[in-house]
Amino acid sequence: MDKVDIKLLTAMEQNSRISLKNLARDLDVKTSTIYHRLHKLKESNILEKFTIEINPKAVGLNRNCIMSIRLKKMVIGKLDIMFLESFGKFLAEQYEEVLFSSVGSDEMIWIIATFRDDKHFDHFQSEIKSNPYIENFNTILINNILKGNKIFKFLPNLLKHEAEGDYFSDEDEDEKKKGKKDEKDDEVESSSEIFF
């Protein structure tokens, strides 16, 4: 990576929806340069994907926590670490609520998880308590997220189904389609953002 790549990634971090034309203008390079740089960054796995940033409270995820989990000692030595890692992976794959899972140097599994409400949170805790491999766990509730909303994913299975359709009706969608057609006819360049 060189200075142009670093500037490109910095700009994309601030707004991943910015056009190639605007990126080229801001970085004072050709549009084709931006295109090829992005392609190389994706090929080399430096840039994994383009994403959106979710406001968890706005989509009804009101309980967020950091949890440390200690497993019962099963065996002695390196196999303990392997078991820790596989169990951390199990938690991340088994529970959609688990957004982040890692094994710390303290031989604890650390997770960040999100929940709709106290009932959802209590159900998750009761499942963790009933797991025969878990010795104990501690939970810290997160009240305010000052930085790091990007760790939250859009998880439709966690949302309440009765909330569907609250934001846009079919008529709104028809109006949007009509508006897009009118914009094309008028050849007006515009941009829009979707907030969840």
C-alpha atoms as a PDB file:
ATOM      1  CA  MET A   1       0.000   0.000   0.000  1.00  0.00           C
ATOM      2  CA  ASP A   2       1.134   3.529  -0.725  1.00  0.00           C
ATOM      3  CA  LYS A   3      -0.137   6.985   0.236  1.00  0.00           C
ATOM      4  CA  VAL A   4      -2.878   6.911  -2.405  1.00  0.00           C
ATOM      5  CA  ASP A   5      -4.214   3.583  -1.077  1.00  0.00           C
ATOM      6  CA  ILE A   6      -4.200   4.927   2.484  1.00  0.00           C
ATOM      7  CA  LYS A   7      -6.052   8.096   1.435  1.00  0.00           C
ATOM      8  CA  LEU A   8      -8.497   5.969  -0.552  1.00  0.00           C
ATOM      9  CA  LEU A   9      -9.249   3.673   2.399  1.00  0.00           C
ATOM     10  CA  THR A  10      -9.599   6.674   4.732  1.00  0.00           C
ATOM     11  CA  ALA A  11     -12.138   8.268   2.378  1.00  0.00           C
ATOM     12  CA  MET A  12     -14.025   4.980   1.978  1.00  0.00           C
ATOM     13  CA  GLU A  13     -14.102   4.513   5.754  1.00  0.00           C
ATOM     14  CA  GLN A  14     -15.895   7.845   6.093  1.00  0.00           C
ATOM     15  CA  ASN A  15     -18.340   7.188   3.256  1.00  0.00           C
ATOM     16  CA  SER A  16     -18.282   3.893   1.370  1.00  0.00           C
ATOM     17  CA  ARG A  17     -21.037   5.112  -0.981  1.00  0.00           C
ATOM     18  CA  ILE A  18     -19.004   7.965  -2.443  1.00  0.00           C
ATOM     19  CA  SER A  19     -18.761   7.797  -6.237  1.00  0.00           C
ATOM     20  CA  LEU A  20     -15.527   6.918  -8.037  1.00  0.00           C
ATOM     21  CA  LYS A  21     -15.698  10.316  -9.738  1.00  0.00           C
ATOM     22  CA  ASN A  22     -15.815  12.156  -6.395  1.00  0.00           C
ATOM     23  CA  LEU A  23     -13.086   9.953  -4.928  1.00  0.00           C
ATOM     24  CA  ALA A  24     -10.863  10.735  -7.918  1.00  0.00           C
ATOM     25  CA  ARG A  25     -11.535  14.449  -7.520  1.00  0.00           C
ATOM     26  CA  ASP A  26     -10.830  14.411  -3.767  1.00  0.00           C
ATOM     27  CA  LEU A  27      -7.619  12.384  -4.164  1.00  0.00           C
ATOM     28  CA  ASP A  28      -6.543  14.287  -7.287  1.00  0.00           C
ATOM     29  CA  VAL A  29      -6.146  11.153  -9.445  1.00  0.00           C
ATOM     30  CA  LYS A  30      -7.962   9.667 -12.463  1.00  0.00           C
ATOM     31  CA  THR A  31     -11.220   7.747 -12.014  1.00  0.00           C
ATOM     32  CA  SER A  32      -9.614   4.721 -13.671  1.00  0.00           C
ATOM     33  CA  THR A  33      -6.866   4.837 -11.007  1.00  0.00           C
ATOM     34  CA  ILE A  34      -9.491   4.651  -8.235  1.00  0.00           C
ATOM     35  CA  TYR A  35     -11.202   1.737  -9.992  1.00  0.00           C
ATOM     36  CA  HIS A  36      -7.966  -0.256 -10.354  1.00  0.00           C
ATOM     37  CA  ARG A  37      -6.824   0.557  -6.795  1.00  0.00           C
ATOM     38  CA  LEU A  38     -10.131  -0.641  -5.325  1.00  0.00           C
ATOM     39  CA  HIS A  39      -9.939  -3.805  -7.420  1.00  0.00           C
ATOM     40  CA  LYS A  40      -6.389  -4.537  -6.152  1.00  0.00           C
ATOM     41  CA  LEU A  41      -7.360  -3.781  -2.528  1.00  0.00           C
ATOM     42  CA  LYS A  42     -10.241  -6.265  -2.823  1.00  0.00           C
ATOM     43  CA  GLU A  43      -8.085  -8.922  -4.516  1.00  0.00           C
ATOM     44  CA  SER A  44      -5.437  -8.670  -1.778  1.00  0.00           C
ATOM     45  CA  ASN A  45      -8.114  -8.956   0.994  1.00  0.00           C
ATOM     46  CA  ILE A  46      -7.225  -5.545   2.427  1.00  0.00           C
ATOM     47  CA  LEU A  47     -10.718  -4.388   1.534  1.00  0.00           C
ATOM     48  CA  GLU A  48     -13.050  -7.285   2.338  1.00  0.00           C
ATOM     49  CA  LYS A  49     -16.442  -5.780   1.567  1.00  0.00           C
ATOM     50  CA  PHE A  50     -18.573  -2.650   1.460  1.00  0.00           C
ATOM     51  CA  THR A  51     -21.065  -2.404   4.272  1.00  0.00           C
ATOM     52  CA  ILE A  52     -23.538  -0.210   6.119  1.00  0.00           C
ATOM     53  CA  GLU A  53     -23.441   1.056   9.687  1.00  0.00           C
ATOM     54  CA  ILE A  54     -26.411   0.115  11.854  1.00  0.00           C
ATOM     55  CA  ASN A  55     -27.822   2.119  14.748  1.00  0.00           C
ATOM     56  CA  PRO A  56     -28.846  -0.812  17.016  1.00  0.00           C
ATOM     57  CA  LYS A  57     -31.450   1.136  19.040  1.00  0.00           C
ATOM     58  CA  ALA A  58     -33.146   2.422  15.886  1.00  0.00           C
ATOM     59  CA  VAL A  59     -33.792  -1.163  14.716  1.00  0.00           C
ATOM     60  CA  GLY A  60     -34.992  -2.331  18.131  1.00  0.00           C
ATOM     61  CA  LEU A  61     -31.812  -3.905  19.552  1.00  0.00           C
ATOM     62  CA  ASN A  62     -31.949  -2.270  22.980  1.00  0.00           C
ATOM     63  CA  ARG A  63     -29.794  -4.545  25.146  1.00  0.00           C
ATOM     64  CA  ASN A  64     -26.094  -4.804  24.325  1.00  0.00           C
ATOM     65  CA  CYS A  65     -23.493  -6.485  26.496  1.00  0.00           C
ATOM     66  CA  ILE A  66     -19.938  -7.678  26.846  1.00  0.00           C
ATOM     67  CA  MET A  67     -19.690 -11.118  28.402  1.00  0.00           C
ATOM     68  CA  SER A  68     -16.742 -13.105  29.704  1.00  0.00           C
ATOM     69  CA  ILE A  69     -17.221 -16.878  29.801  1.00  0.00           C
ATOM     70  CA  ARG A  70     -15.038 -19.352  31.676  1.00  0.00           C
ATOM     71  CA  LEU A  71     -15.215 -22.984  30.616  1.00  0.00           C
ATOM     72  CA  LYS A  72     -14.753 -25.985  32.881  1.00  0.00           C
ATOM     73  CA  LYS A  73     -11.312 -27.555  32.598  1.00  0.00           C
ATOM     74  CA  MET A  74     -11.639 -30.568  30.371  1.00  0.00           C
ATOM     75  CA  VAL A  75      -8.032 -31.568  29.786  1.00  0.00           C
ATOM     76  CA  ILE A  76      -4.600 -30.175  30.591  1.00  0.00           C
ATOM     77  CA  GLY A  77      -2.358 -28.329  28.143  1.00  0.00           C
ATOM     78  CA  LYS A  78      -2.765 -27.172  24.563  1.00  0.00           C
ATOM     79  CA  LEU A  79      -6.040 -29.024  24.071  1.00  0.00           C
ATOM     80  CA  ASP A  80      -7.677 -26.611  26.517  1.00  0.00           C
ATOM     81  CA  ILE A  81      -6.841 -23.684  24.205  1.00  0.00           C
ATOM     82  CA  MET A  82      -8.133 -25.620  21.180  1.00  0.00           C
ATOM     83  CA  PHE A  83     -11.359 -26.355  23.044  1.00  0.00           C
ATOM     84  CA  LEU A  84     -11.687 -22.684  24.053  1.00  0.00           C
ATOM     85  CA  GLU A  85     -11.284 -21.564  20.466  1.00  0.00           C
ATOM     86  CA  SER A  86     -13.727 -24.120  19.093  1.00  0.00           C
ATOM     87  CA  PHE A  87     -16.278 -23.218  21.790  1.00  0.00           C
ATOM     88  CA  GLY A  88     -15.899 -19.498  21.012  1.00  0.00           C
ATOM     89  CA  LYS A  89     -16.551 -20.317  17.351  1.00  0.00           C
ATOM     90  CA  PHE A  90     -19.563 -22.431  18.370  1.00  0.00           C
ATOM     91  CA  LEU A  91     -21.056 -19.476  20.286  1.00  0.00           C
ATOM     92  CA  ALA A  92     -20.572 -17.145  17.313  1.00  0.00           C
ATOM     93  CA  GLU A  93     -22.182 -19.622  14.887  1.00  0.00           C
ATOM     94  CA  GLN A  94     -24.943 -20.931  17.162  1.00  0.00           C
ATOM     95  CA  TYR A  95     -26.258 -17.572  18.363  1.00  0.00           C
ATOM     96  CA  GLU A  96     -26.998 -14.796  15.888  1.00  0.00           C
ATOM     97  CA  GLU A  97     -26.998 -12.459  18.891  1.00  0.00           C
ATOM     98  CA  VAL A  98     -23.220 -12.915  19.275  1.00  0.00           C
ATOM     99  CA  LEU A  99     -21.566 -10.227  17.146  1.00  0.00           C
ATOM    100  CA  PHE A 100     -17.972 -10.761  18.302  1.00  0.00           C
ATOM    101  CA  SER A 101     -16.225 -13.713  19.921  1.00  0.00           C
ATOM    102  CA  SER A 102     -12.584 -14.041  20.967  1.00  0.00           C
ATOM    103  CA  VAL A 103     -10.357 -16.013  23.337  1.00  0.00           C
ATOM    104  CA  GLY A 104      -8.398 -13.733  25.670  1.00  0.00           C
ATOM    105  CA  SER A 105      -4.956 -14.235  27.189  1.00  0.00           C
ATOM    106  CA  ASP A 106      -6.829 -14.869  30.477  1.00  0.00           C
ATOM    107  CA  GLU A 107      -8.229 -18.089  28.926  1.00  0.00           C
ATOM    108  CA  MET A 108     -11.726 -16.607  28.910  1.00  0.00           C
ATOM    109  CA  ILE A 109     -14.070 -16.355  25.952  1.00  0.00           C
ATOM    110  CA  TRP A 110     -15.098 -12.735  25.410  1.00  0.00           C
ATOM    111  CA  ILE A 111     -18.226 -11.949  23.420  1.00  0.00           C
ATOM    112  CA  ILE A 112     -20.207  -8.881  22.431  1.00  0.00           C
ATOM    113  CA  ALA A 113     -23.903  -9.627  21.999  1.00  0.00           C
ATOM    114  CA  THR A 114     -27.102  -7.712  21.261  1.00  0.00           C
ATOM    115  CA  PHE A 115     -30.738  -8.318  22.244  1.00  0.00           C
ATOM    116  CA  ARG A 116     -34.205  -6.881  21.627  1.00  0.00           C
ATOM    117  CA  ASP A 117     -35.212  -6.579  25.270  1.00  0.00           C
ATOM    118  CA  ASP A 118     -34.789  -8.010  28.787  1.00  0.00           C
ATOM    119  CA  LYS A 119     -36.839 -11.120  27.955  1.00  0.00           C
ATOM    120  CA  HIS A 120     -34.609 -11.920  24.960  1.00  0.00           C
ATOM    121  CA  PHE A 121     -31.489 -11.227  27.059  1.00  0.00           C
ATOM    122  CA  ASP A 122     -32.746 -13.425  29.971  1.00  0.00           C
ATOM    123  CA  HIS A 123     -33.478 -16.307  27.566  1.00  0.00           C
ATOM    124  CA  PHE A 124     -29.906 -16.121  26.206  1.00  0.00           C
ATOM    125  CA  GLN A 125     -28.451 -16.072  29.751  1.00  0.00           C
ATOM    126  CA  SER A 126     -30.523 -19.094  30.797  1.00  0.00           C
ATOM    127  CA  GLU A 127     -29.198 -21.053  27.785  1.00  0.00           C
ATOM    128  CA  ILE A 128     -25.627 -20.086  28.690  1.00  0.00           C
ATOM    129  CA  LYS A 129     -26.209 -21.125  32.337  1.00  0.00           C
ATOM    130  CA  SER A 130     -27.583 -24.514  31.275  1.00  0.00           C
ATOM    131  CA  ASN A 131     -24.580 -25.322  29.061  1.00  0.00           C
ATOM    132  CA  PRO A 132     -22.621 -28.124  30.798  1.00  0.00           C
ATOM    133  CA  TYR A 133     -19.234 -26.872  29.542  1.00  0.00           C
ATOM    134  CA  ILE A 134     -19.573 -23.374  31.034  1.00  0.00           C
ATOM    135  CA  GLU A 135     -18.271 -22.909  34.574  1.00  0.00           C
ATOM    136  CA  ASN A 136     -19.351 -19.276  35.004  1.00  0.00           C
ATOM    137  CA  PHE A 137     -19.844 -16.021  33.141  1.00  0.00           C
ATOM    138  CA  ASN A 138     -19.964 -12.300  33.874  1.00  0.00           C
ATOM    139  CA  THR A 139     -21.975  -9.704  31.983  1.00  0.00           C
ATOM    140  CA  ILE A 140     -21.452  -5.974  31.565  1.00  0.00           C
ATOM    141  CA  LEU A 141     -24.411  -4.134  30.015  1.00  0.00           C
ATOM    142  CA  ILE A 142     -23.448  -1.396  27.551  1.00  0.00           C
ATOM    143  CA  ASN A 143     -25.601   1.698  28.052  1.00  0.00           C
ATOM    144  CA  ASN A 144     -24.226   4.055  25.432  1.00  0.00           C
ATOM    145  CA  ILE A 145     -22.168   3.232  22.366  1.00  0.00           C
ATOM    146  CA  LEU A 146     -19.781   6.116  21.782  1.00  0.00           C
ATOM    147  CA  LYS A 147     -17.817   4.446  18.979  1.00  0.00           C
ATOM    148  CA  GLY A 148     -18.078   1.099  17.239  1.00  0.00           C
ATOM    149  CA  ASN A 149     -21.574   0.891  15.743  1.00  0.00           C
ATOM    150  CA  LYS A 150     -19.978  -0.905  12.792  1.00  0.00           C
ATOM    151  CA  ILE A 151     -19.725  -4.071  14.871  1.00  0.00           C
ATOM    152  CA  PHE A 152     -23.532  -4.296  14.786  1.00  0.00           C
ATOM    153  CA  LYS A 153     -25.014  -6.157  11.847  1.00  0.00           C
ATOM    154  CA  PHE A 154     -28.476  -5.954  10.375  1.00  0.00           C
ATOM    155  CA  LEU A 155     -30.028  -9.117  11.824  1.00  0.00           C
ATOM    156  CA  PRO A 156     -33.592  -9.518  10.517  1.00  0.00           C
ATOM    157  CA  ASN A 157     -34.191 -12.685  12.566  1.00  0.00           C
ATOM    158  CA  LEU A 158     -33.670 -10.728  15.788  1.00  0.00           C
ATOM    159  CA  LEU A 159     -36.196  -8.026  14.924  1.00  0.00           C
ATOM    160  CA  LYS A 160     -39.822  -8.158  15.961  1.00  0.00           C
ATOM    161  CA  HIS A 161     -41.957  -9.177  12.978  1.00  0.00           C
ATOM    162  CA  GLU A 162     -44.736  -6.751  13.869  1.00  0.00           C
ATOM    163  CA  ALA A 163     -42.302  -3.931  13.093  1.00  0.00           C
ATOM    164  CA  GLU A 164     -42.247  -4.890   9.404  1.00  0.00           C
ATOM    165  CA  GLY A 165     -43.754  -2.278   7.106  1.00  0.00           C
ATOM    166  CA  ASP A 166     -43.606   0.541   9.649  1.00  0.00           C
ATOM    167  CA  TYR A 167     -41.119   2.576   7.637  1.00  0.00           C
ATOM    168  CA  PHE A 168     -42.342   2.223   4.061  1.00  0.00           C
ATOM    169  CA  SER A 169     -45.688   1.171   2.614  1.00  0.00           C
ATOM    170  CA  ASP A 170     -46.207  -0.230  -0.859  1.00  0.00           C
ATOM    171  CA  GLU A 171     -47.405   3.233  -1.914  1.00  0.00           C
ATOM    172  CA  ASP A 172     -44.104   4.744  -0.731  1.00  0.00           C
ATOM    173  CA  GLU A 173     -42.236   2.195  -2.855  1.00  0.00           C
ATOM    174  CA  ASP A 174     -44.354   3.080  -5.900  1.00  0.00           C
ATOM    175  CA  GLU A 175     -43.655   6.782  -5.323  1.00  0.00           C
ATOM    176  CA  LYS A 176     -39.930   6.065  -5.066  1.00  0.00           C
ATOM    177  CA  LYS A 177     -39.954   4.141  -8.356  1.00  0.00           C
ATOM    178  CA  LYS A 178     -41.913   6.929 -10.042  1.00  0.00           C
ATOM    179  CA  GLY A 179     -39.503   9.505  -8.591  1.00  0.00           C
ATOM    180  CA  LYS A 180     -36.490   7.589  -9.911  1.00  0.00           C
ATOM    181  CA  LYS A 181     -38.031   7.461 -13.391  1.00  0.00           C
ATOM    182  CA  ASP A 182     -38.691  11.224 -13.290  1.00  0.00           C
ATOM    183  CA  GLU A 183     -35.107  11.870 -12.180  1.00  0.00           C
ATOM    184  CA  LYS A 184     -33.765   9.856 -15.111  1.00  0.00           C
ATOM    185  CA  ASP A 185     -36.015  11.777 -17.506  1.00  0.00           C
ATOM    186  CA  ASP A 186     -34.787  15.106 -16.119  1.00  0.00           C
ATOM    187  CA  GLU A 187     -31.174  13.824 -16.051  1.00  0.00           C
ATOM    188  CA  VAL A 188     -30.702  15.241 -12.566  1.00  0.00           C
ATOM    189  CA  GLU A 189     -27.721  13.836 -10.634  1.00  0.00           C
ATOM    190  CA  SER A 190     -28.661  13.099  -7.008  1.00  0.00           C
ATOM    191  CA  SER A 191     -27.691  10.900  -4.099  1.00  0.00           C
ATOM    192  CA  SER A 192     -29.672   9.362  -1.268  1.00  0.00           C
ATOM    193  CA  GLU A 193     -29.027   7.619   2.021  1.00  0.00           C
ATOM    194  CA  ILE A 194     -31.133   4.962   3.732  1.00  0.00           C
ATOM    195  CA  PHE A 195     -31.367   5.104   7.505  1.00  0.00           C
ATOM    196  CA  PHE A 196     -32.475   2.058   9.455  1.00  0.00           C
END
